[in-house]
Amino acid sequence: MTDDPNKPIDNRILVDAVEEIKEMGKEGMAHPSTKPVLIGAAAGAVAGWVLPFVGPILGGLAGAGIMVYKRVRP
């Protein structure tokens, strides 16, 4: 299987996301991805609070996940 760099989702997305999260953990607030991911988590938590059957925890995880994806695959 060949990796197409133009393909938006490939088999390396999970590996890249884990590497990004590890770097965020090492560098803390100094990492350029930390603040956007925290903002996405907060926005998702607020949205989850409003939406029925979602909740703020799941909403926060979804918001953070979306922002990590946008940072890994711009």
C-alpha atoms as a PDB file:
ATOM      1  CA  MET A   1       0.000   0.000   0.000  1.00  0.00           C
ATOM      2  CA  THR A   2       1.432   3.344  -1.007  1.00  0.00           C
ATOM      3  CA  ASP A   3       0.983   6.532   0.959  1.00  0.00           C
ATOM      4  CA  ASP A   4      -0.381   9.417  -1.092  1.00  0.00           C
ATOM      5  CA  PRO A   5       0.666  12.729   0.534  1.00  0.00           C
ATOM      6  CA  ASN A   6      -2.273  14.490  -1.161  1.00  0.00           C
ATOM      7  CA  LYS A   7      -4.774  12.142   0.446  1.00  0.00           C
ATOM      8  CA  PRO A   8      -6.479  13.937   3.403  1.00  0.00           C
ATOM      9  CA  ILE A   9      -6.748  10.813   5.558  1.00  0.00           C
ATOM     10  CA  ASP A  10      -4.090   8.141   5.384  1.00  0.00           C
ATOM     11  CA  ASN A  11      -2.851   5.376   7.641  1.00  0.00           C
ATOM     12  CA  ARG A  12      -0.405   7.703   9.439  1.00  0.00           C
ATOM     13  CA  ILE A  13      -2.988  10.039  10.930  1.00  0.00           C
ATOM     14  CA  LEU A  14      -3.178   8.189  14.248  1.00  0.00           C
ATOM     15  CA  VAL A  15       0.612   7.992  14.528  1.00  0.00           C
ATOM     16  CA  ASP A  16       0.955  11.696  13.717  1.00  0.00           C
ATOM     17  CA  ALA A  17      -1.769  12.639  16.219  1.00  0.00           C
ATOM     18  CA  VAL A  18      -0.139  10.609  19.000  1.00  0.00           C
ATOM     19  CA  GLU A  19       3.235  12.225  18.258  1.00  0.00           C
ATOM     20  CA  GLU A  20       1.628  15.687  18.358  1.00  0.00           C
ATOM     21  CA  ILE A  21      -0.078  14.960  21.689  1.00  0.00           C
ATOM     22  CA  LYS A  22       3.184  13.647  23.170  1.00  0.00           C
ATOM     23  CA  GLU A  23       4.994  16.813  22.092  1.00  0.00           C
ATOM     24  CA  MET A  24       2.207  18.932  23.587  1.00  0.00           C
ATOM     25  CA  GLY A  25       2.626  17.036  26.857  1.00  0.00           C
ATOM     26  CA  LYS A  26       6.387  17.594  26.888  1.00  0.00           C
ATOM     27  CA  GLU A  27       6.347  21.280  25.979  1.00  0.00           C
ATOM     28  CA  GLY A  28       3.142  22.290  27.745  1.00  0.00           C
ATOM     29  CA  MET A  29       1.772  25.716  26.950  1.00  0.00           C
ATOM     30  CA  ALA A  30       4.905  26.566  24.943  1.00  0.00           C
ATOM     31  CA  HIS A  31       3.843  24.152  22.164  1.00  0.00           C
ATOM     32  CA  PRO A  32       1.988  25.939  19.350  1.00  0.00           C
ATOM     33  CA  SER A  33      -0.830  23.351  19.284  1.00  0.00           C
ATOM     34  CA  THR A  34      -1.706  23.457  22.983  1.00  0.00           C
ATOM     35  CA  LYS A  35      -3.749  26.659  23.056  1.00  0.00           C
ATOM     36  CA  PRO A  36      -5.903  25.874  19.981  1.00  0.00           C
ATOM     37  CA  VAL A  37      -6.594  22.358  21.282  1.00  0.00           C
ATOM     38  CA  LEU A  38      -7.601  23.699  24.704  1.00  0.00           C
ATOM     39  CA  ILE A  39      -9.887  26.261  23.064  1.00  0.00           C
ATOM     40  CA  GLY A  40     -11.446  23.503  20.956  1.00  0.00           C
ATOM     41  CA  ALA A  41     -11.976  21.385  24.068  1.00  0.00           C
ATOM     42  CA  ALA A  42     -13.651  24.284  25.864  1.00  0.00           C
ATOM     43  CA  ALA A  43     -15.906  25.047  22.892  1.00  0.00           C
ATOM     44  CA  GLY A  44     -16.830  21.372  22.613  1.00  0.00           C
ATOM     45  CA  ALA A  45     -17.620  21.191  26.323  1.00  0.00           C
ATOM     46  CA  VAL A  46     -19.931  24.200  26.067  1.00  0.00           C
ATOM     47  CA  ALA A  47     -21.630  22.707  23.010  1.00  0.00           C
ATOM     48  CA  GLY A  48     -21.940  19.367  24.799  1.00  0.00           C
ATOM     49  CA  TRP A  49     -23.538  21.072  27.775  1.00  0.00           C
ATOM     50  CA  VAL A  50     -26.272  22.473  25.536  1.00  0.00           C
ATOM     51  CA  LEU A  51     -26.879  19.386  23.369  1.00  0.00           C
ATOM     52  CA  PRO A  52     -28.947  16.569  24.862  1.00  0.00           C
ATOM     53  CA  PHE A  53     -27.313  13.140  25.308  1.00  0.00           C
ATOM     54  CA  VAL A  54     -23.808  14.468  24.605  1.00  0.00           C
ATOM     55  CA  GLY A  55     -22.553  16.057  27.806  1.00  0.00           C
ATOM     56  CA  PRO A  56     -19.595  18.321  28.406  1.00  0.00           C
ATOM     57  CA  ILE A  57     -17.018  15.530  28.724  1.00  0.00           C
ATOM     58  CA  LEU A  58     -17.794  13.953  25.360  1.00  0.00           C
ATOM     59  CA  GLY A  59     -18.157  17.393  23.799  1.00  0.00           C
ATOM     60  CA  GLY A  60     -14.773  18.451  25.165  1.00  0.00           C
ATOM     61  CA  LEU A  61     -13.103  15.316  23.845  1.00  0.00           C
ATOM     62  CA  ALA A  62     -14.702  15.820  20.443  1.00  0.00           C
ATOM     63  CA  GLY A  63     -13.640  19.475  20.319  1.00  0.00           C
ATOM     64  CA  ALA A  64     -10.073  18.638  21.291  1.00  0.00           C
ATOM     65  CA  GLY A  65      -9.985  15.800  18.771  1.00  0.00           C
ATOM     66  CA  ILE A  66     -11.138  18.052  15.963  1.00  0.00           C
ATOM     67  CA  MET A  67      -8.472  20.627  16.784  1.00  0.00           C
ATOM     68  CA  VAL A  68      -5.720  17.984  16.983  1.00  0.00           C
ATOM     69  CA  TYR A  69      -6.846  16.726  13.571  1.00  0.00           C
ATOM     70  CA  LYS A  70      -6.754  20.261  12.155  1.00  0.00           C
ATOM     71  CA  ARG A  71      -3.234  20.755  13.562  1.00  0.00           C
ATOM     72  CA  VAL A  72      -1.967  17.418  12.187  1.00  0.00           C
ATOM     73  CA  ARG A  73      -3.724  17.714   8.816  1.00  0.00           C
ATOM     74  CA  PRO A  74      -4.141  21.427   8.014  1.00  0.00           C
END
